[in-house]
Amino acid sequence: MDEKENCVILDVRTQAEYAEGHIPGAILLPDYEIAERAESVLSDKSQCILVYCRSGRRSEKAARTLVEMGYTNVLDFGGIIDWTYDVEK
């Protein structure tokens, strides 16, 4: 991946979890809304998308759904519980 490439950081947790703390710059799109809202939130299907949730289970499912929808540069980032940097609230 090119360092200059702009990746979208996608948080697929709930609004309440996002409000408690999220990776800076992350866009919230709960996993249960991916199928309905992904194309309006993520218009570029070739853009780099880093997907995360709390532990990695929902992000894996969400990443798979995005790939099935035709997104070509999706990476399952795993869970925020493994994130050792600052979070935004």
N, C-alpha and C. Protein backbone atom coordinates (compact mmCIF):
# COMPACT_ATOMS: atom_id res chain seq x y z
N MET A 1 0.84 -1.18 0.00
CA MET A 1 0.00 0.00 0.00
C MET A 1 0.89 1.25 0.00
N ASP A 2 0.56 2.18 -0.85
CA ASP A 2 1.30 3.44 -0.95
C ASP A 2 1.05 4.28 0.30
N GLU A 3 2.12 4.79 0.89
CA GLU A 3 1.98 5.60 2.11
C GLU A 3 1.11 6.82 1.90
N LYS A 4 1.09 7.36 0.68
CA LYS A 4 0.32 8.57 0.41
C LYS A 4 -1.15 8.27 0.16
N GLU A 5 -1.48 7.00 0.05
CA GLU A 5 -2.87 6.63 -0.23
C GLU A 5 -3.75 7.02 0.96
N ASN A 6 -4.86 7.67 0.66
CA ASN A 6 -5.79 8.07 1.71
C ASN A 6 -6.73 6.92 2.00
N CYS A 7 -6.64 6.39 3.19
CA CYS A 7 -7.52 5.31 3.60
C CYS A 7 -8.66 5.85 4.45
N VAL A 8 -9.81 5.26 4.28
CA VAL A 8 -10.93 5.54 5.15
C VAL A 8 -10.83 4.57 6.31
N ILE A 9 -10.95 5.08 7.52
CA ILE A 9 -10.99 4.21 8.70
C ILE A 9 -12.46 4.06 9.05
N LEU A 10 -12.95 2.84 8.98
CA LEU A 10 -14.38 2.58 9.15
C LEU A 10 -14.63 1.84 10.46
N ASP A 11 -15.38 2.49 11.35
CA ASP A 11 -15.76 1.91 12.64
C ASP A 11 -17.14 1.28 12.45
N VAL A 12 -17.24 -0.03 12.65
CA VAL A 12 -18.51 -0.72 12.42
C VAL A 12 -19.22 -1.10 13.73
N ARG A 13 -18.85 -0.41 14.81
CA ARG A 13 -19.53 -0.63 16.10
C ARG A 13 -20.81 0.20 16.16
N THR A 14 -21.44 0.22 17.31
CA THR A 14 -22.67 1.00 17.49
C THR A 14 -22.34 2.46 17.76
N GLN A 15 -23.36 3.31 17.66
CA GLN A 15 -23.18 4.74 17.97
C GLN A 15 -22.69 4.92 19.40
N ALA A 16 -23.23 4.15 20.34
CA ALA A 16 -22.83 4.27 21.74
C ALA A 16 -21.36 3.90 21.93
N GLU A 17 -20.92 2.83 21.29
CA GLU A 17 -19.51 2.42 21.38
C GLU A 17 -18.60 3.50 20.76
N TYR A 18 -19.02 4.03 19.62
CA TYR A 18 -18.25 5.07 18.93
C TYR A 18 -18.10 6.29 19.83
N ALA A 19 -19.18 6.67 20.50
CA ALA A 19 -19.15 7.84 21.39
C ALA A 19 -18.22 7.64 22.57
N GLU A 20 -18.06 6.39 23.03
CA GLU A 20 -17.17 6.10 24.15
C GLU A 20 -15.70 6.29 23.79
N GLY A 21 -15.37 6.19 22.52
CA GLY A 21 -14.00 6.37 22.06
C GLY A 21 -13.78 5.66 20.74
N HIS A 22 -13.19 6.38 19.78
CA HIS A 22 -12.92 5.79 18.47
C HIS A 22 -11.58 6.28 17.94
N ILE A 23 -11.07 5.59 16.94
CA ILE A 23 -9.81 5.98 16.32
C ILE A 23 -10.01 7.34 15.65
N PRO A 24 -9.10 8.29 15.87
CA PRO A 24 -9.27 9.62 15.29
C PRO A 24 -9.50 9.57 13.79
N GLY A 25 -10.54 10.29 13.34
CA GLY A 25 -10.86 10.36 11.93
C GLY A 25 -11.74 9.24 11.42
N ALA A 26 -12.09 8.29 12.28
CA ALA A 26 -12.90 7.15 11.86
C ALA A 26 -14.33 7.58 11.51
N ILE A 27 -14.86 6.94 10.49
CA ILE A 27 -16.25 7.14 10.08
C ILE A 27 -17.07 6.01 10.69
N LEU A 28 -18.20 6.37 11.28
CA LEU A 28 -19.07 5.36 11.88
C LEU A 28 -20.06 4.84 10.84
N LEU A 29 -20.08 3.54 10.68
CA LEU A 29 -21.08 2.85 9.85
C LEU A 29 -21.30 1.48 10.50
N PRO A 30 -22.29 1.40 11.41
CA PRO A 30 -22.50 0.14 12.14
C PRO A 30 -22.63 -1.05 11.20
N ASP A 31 -22.11 -2.20 11.63
CA ASP A 31 -22.09 -3.40 10.79
C ASP A 31 -23.46 -3.77 10.26
N TYR A 32 -24.51 -3.54 11.05
CA TYR A 32 -25.86 -3.91 10.62
C TYR A 32 -26.44 -2.93 9.59
N GLU A 33 -25.71 -1.85 9.27
CA GLU A 33 -26.15 -0.88 8.26
C GLU A 33 -25.31 -0.93 6.99
N ILE A 34 -24.29 -1.80 6.95
CA ILE A 34 -23.37 -1.85 5.81
C ILE A 34 -24.11 -2.04 4.49
N ALA A 35 -24.94 -3.08 4.41
CA ALA A 35 -25.61 -3.40 3.15
C ALA A 35 -26.48 -2.25 2.64
N GLU A 36 -27.14 -1.54 3.55
CA GLU A 36 -28.05 -0.46 3.14
C GLU A 36 -27.33 0.86 2.86
N ARG A 37 -26.28 1.17 3.62
CA ARG A 37 -25.70 2.52 3.56
C ARG A 37 -24.29 2.61 2.99
N ALA A 38 -23.60 1.51 2.78
CA ALA A 38 -22.19 1.58 2.37
C ALA A 38 -22.00 2.40 1.10
N GLU A 39 -22.83 2.20 0.10
CA GLU A 39 -22.60 2.89 -1.17
C GLU A 39 -22.81 4.40 -1.07
N SER A 40 -23.63 4.87 -0.14
CA SER A 40 -23.79 6.31 0.02
C SER A 40 -22.68 6.91 0.89
N VAL A 41 -22.14 6.13 1.82
CA VAL A 41 -21.08 6.60 2.71
C VAL A 41 -19.70 6.41 2.07
N LEU A 42 -19.53 5.32 1.35
CA LEU A 42 -18.24 4.96 0.73
C LEU A 42 -18.44 4.88 -0.78
N SER A 43 -18.38 6.03 -1.45
CA SER A 43 -18.72 6.07 -2.87
C SER A 43 -17.65 5.48 -3.78
N ASP A 44 -16.38 5.51 -3.36
CA ASP A 44 -15.28 5.01 -4.19
C ASP A 44 -14.97 3.56 -3.82
N LYS A 45 -15.39 2.64 -4.68
CA LYS A 45 -15.23 1.22 -4.36
C LYS A 45 -13.79 0.74 -4.46
N SER A 46 -12.88 1.58 -4.99
CA SER A 46 -11.48 1.18 -5.07
C SER A 46 -10.62 1.83 -3.97
N GLN A 47 -11.23 2.71 -3.17
CA GLN A 47 -10.49 3.38 -2.10
C GLN A 47 -10.13 2.39 -0.99
N CYS A 48 -8.99 2.63 -0.37
CA CYS A 48 -8.55 1.82 0.76
C CYS A 48 -9.50 2.03 1.94
N ILE A 49 -10.03 0.94 2.48
CA ILE A 49 -10.93 1.01 3.63
C ILE A 49 -10.39 0.09 4.72
N LEU A 50 -10.07 0.67 5.87
CA LEU A 50 -9.62 -0.10 7.04
C LEU A 50 -10.81 -0.25 7.97
N VAL A 51 -11.22 -1.47 8.22
CA VAL A 51 -12.43 -1.75 9.00
C VAL A 51 -12.05 -2.25 10.39
N TYR A 52 -12.69 -1.68 11.43
CA TYR A 52 -12.46 -2.20 12.78
C TYR A 52 -13.75 -2.17 13.59
N CYS A 53 -13.76 -2.95 14.67
CA CYS A 53 -14.87 -2.98 15.62
C CYS A 53 -14.27 -3.03 17.02
N ARG A 54 -14.89 -3.74 17.94
CA ARG A 54 -14.33 -3.84 19.28
C ARG A 54 -13.27 -4.93 19.36
N SER A 55 -13.62 -6.14 18.91
CA SER A 55 -12.69 -7.25 19.06
C SER A 55 -12.24 -7.87 17.75
N GLY A 56 -12.94 -7.59 16.66
CA GLY A 56 -12.56 -8.14 15.37
C GLY A 56 -13.63 -9.00 14.70
N ARG A 57 -14.62 -9.44 15.44
CA ARG A 57 -15.66 -10.31 14.87
C ARG A 57 -16.53 -9.55 13.87
N ARG A 58 -17.05 -8.39 14.30
CA ARG A 58 -17.93 -7.61 13.41
C ARG A 58 -17.16 -7.03 12.23
N SER A 59 -15.90 -6.63 12.46
CA SER A 59 -15.12 -6.05 11.36
C SER A 59 -14.85 -7.11 10.28
N GLU A 60 -14.62 -8.34 10.70
CA GLU A 60 -14.40 -9.41 9.72
C GLU A 60 -15.63 -9.61 8.85
N LYS A 61 -16.79 -9.64 9.48
CA LYS A 61 -18.06 -9.81 8.75
C LYS A 61 -18.32 -8.60 7.86
N ALA A 62 -18.10 -7.39 8.37
CA ALA A 62 -18.34 -6.18 7.60
C ALA A 62 -17.40 -6.10 6.40
N ALA A 63 -16.13 -6.44 6.60
CA ALA A 63 -15.16 -6.42 5.50
C ALA A 63 -15.58 -7.40 4.41
N ARG A 64 -16.03 -8.57 4.80
CA ARG A 64 -16.49 -9.58 3.84
C ARG A 64 -17.69 -9.05 3.05
N THR A 65 -18.63 -8.40 3.75
CA THR A 65 -19.81 -7.83 3.08
C THR A 65 -19.39 -6.76 2.07
N LEU A 66 -18.45 -5.89 2.45
CA LEU A 66 -17.99 -4.86 1.52
C LEU A 66 -17.37 -5.47 0.27
N VAL A 67 -16.56 -6.49 0.44
CA VAL A 67 -15.94 -7.16 -0.71
C VAL A 67 -17.02 -7.76 -1.60
N GLU A 68 -18.03 -8.39 -0.99
CA GLU A 68 -19.13 -8.96 -1.76
C GLU A 68 -19.91 -7.89 -2.52
N MET A 69 -19.90 -6.65 -2.00
CA MET A 69 -20.58 -5.52 -2.65
C MET A 69 -19.72 -4.89 -3.75
N GLY A 70 -18.50 -5.39 -3.93
CA GLY A 70 -17.67 -4.89 -5.02
C GLY A 70 -16.54 -3.97 -4.61
N TYR A 71 -16.35 -3.76 -3.31
CA TYR A 71 -15.22 -2.95 -2.85
C TYR A 71 -13.95 -3.78 -3.01
N THR A 72 -12.89 -3.15 -3.52
CA THR A 72 -11.71 -3.92 -3.93
C THR A 72 -10.47 -3.71 -3.06
N ASN A 73 -10.52 -2.80 -2.09
CA ASN A 73 -9.34 -2.50 -1.29
C ASN A 73 -9.71 -2.43 0.19
N VAL A 74 -10.29 -3.51 0.70
CA VAL A 74 -10.81 -3.57 2.07
C VAL A 74 -9.85 -4.38 2.94
N LEU A 75 -9.47 -3.81 4.09
CA LEU A 75 -8.60 -4.50 5.03
C LEU A 75 -9.28 -4.57 6.38
N ASP A 76 -9.38 -5.77 6.93
CA ASP A 76 -9.94 -5.96 8.26
C ASP A 76 -8.85 -5.63 9.28
N PHE A 77 -9.05 -4.54 9.99
CA PHE A 77 -8.07 -4.01 10.93
C PHE A 77 -8.19 -4.67 12.30
N GLY A 78 -9.30 -5.38 12.54
CA GLY A 78 -9.47 -6.07 13.81
C GLY A 78 -10.21 -5.22 14.84
N GLY A 79 -9.78 -5.34 16.10
CA GLY A 79 -10.51 -4.69 17.18
C GLY A 79 -9.78 -3.52 17.80
N ILE A 80 -10.57 -2.54 18.23
CA ILE A 80 -10.01 -1.36 18.89
C ILE A 80 -9.37 -1.75 20.23
N ILE A 81 -9.74 -2.91 20.77
CA ILE A 81 -9.14 -3.34 22.04
C ILE A 81 -7.64 -3.55 21.89
N ASP A 82 -7.16 -3.73 20.65
CA ASP A 82 -5.73 -3.88 20.39
C ASP A 82 -5.05 -2.57 20.01
N TRP A 83 -5.82 -1.48 19.91
CA TRP A 83 -5.30 -0.18 19.52
C TRP A 83 -4.58 0.45 20.70
N THR A 84 -3.30 0.74 20.55
CA THR A 84 -2.51 1.24 21.69
C THR A 84 -2.32 2.76 21.66
N TYR A 85 -2.97 3.42 20.72
CA TYR A 85 -2.81 4.87 20.57
C TYR A 85 -4.03 5.59 21.13
N ASP A 86 -3.99 6.91 21.06
CA ASP A 86 -5.10 7.71 21.60
C ASP A 86 -6.39 7.49 20.80
N VAL A 87 -7.50 7.72 21.48
CA VAL A 87 -8.81 7.67 20.83
C VAL A 87 -9.49 9.02 21.02
N GLU A 88 -10.44 9.31 20.14
CA GLU A 88 -11.26 10.53 20.26
C GLU A 88 -12.57 10.15 20.93
N LYS A 89 -13.13 11.13 21.64
CA LYS A 89 -14.46 10.92 22.23
C LYS A 89 -15.38 12.05 21.80
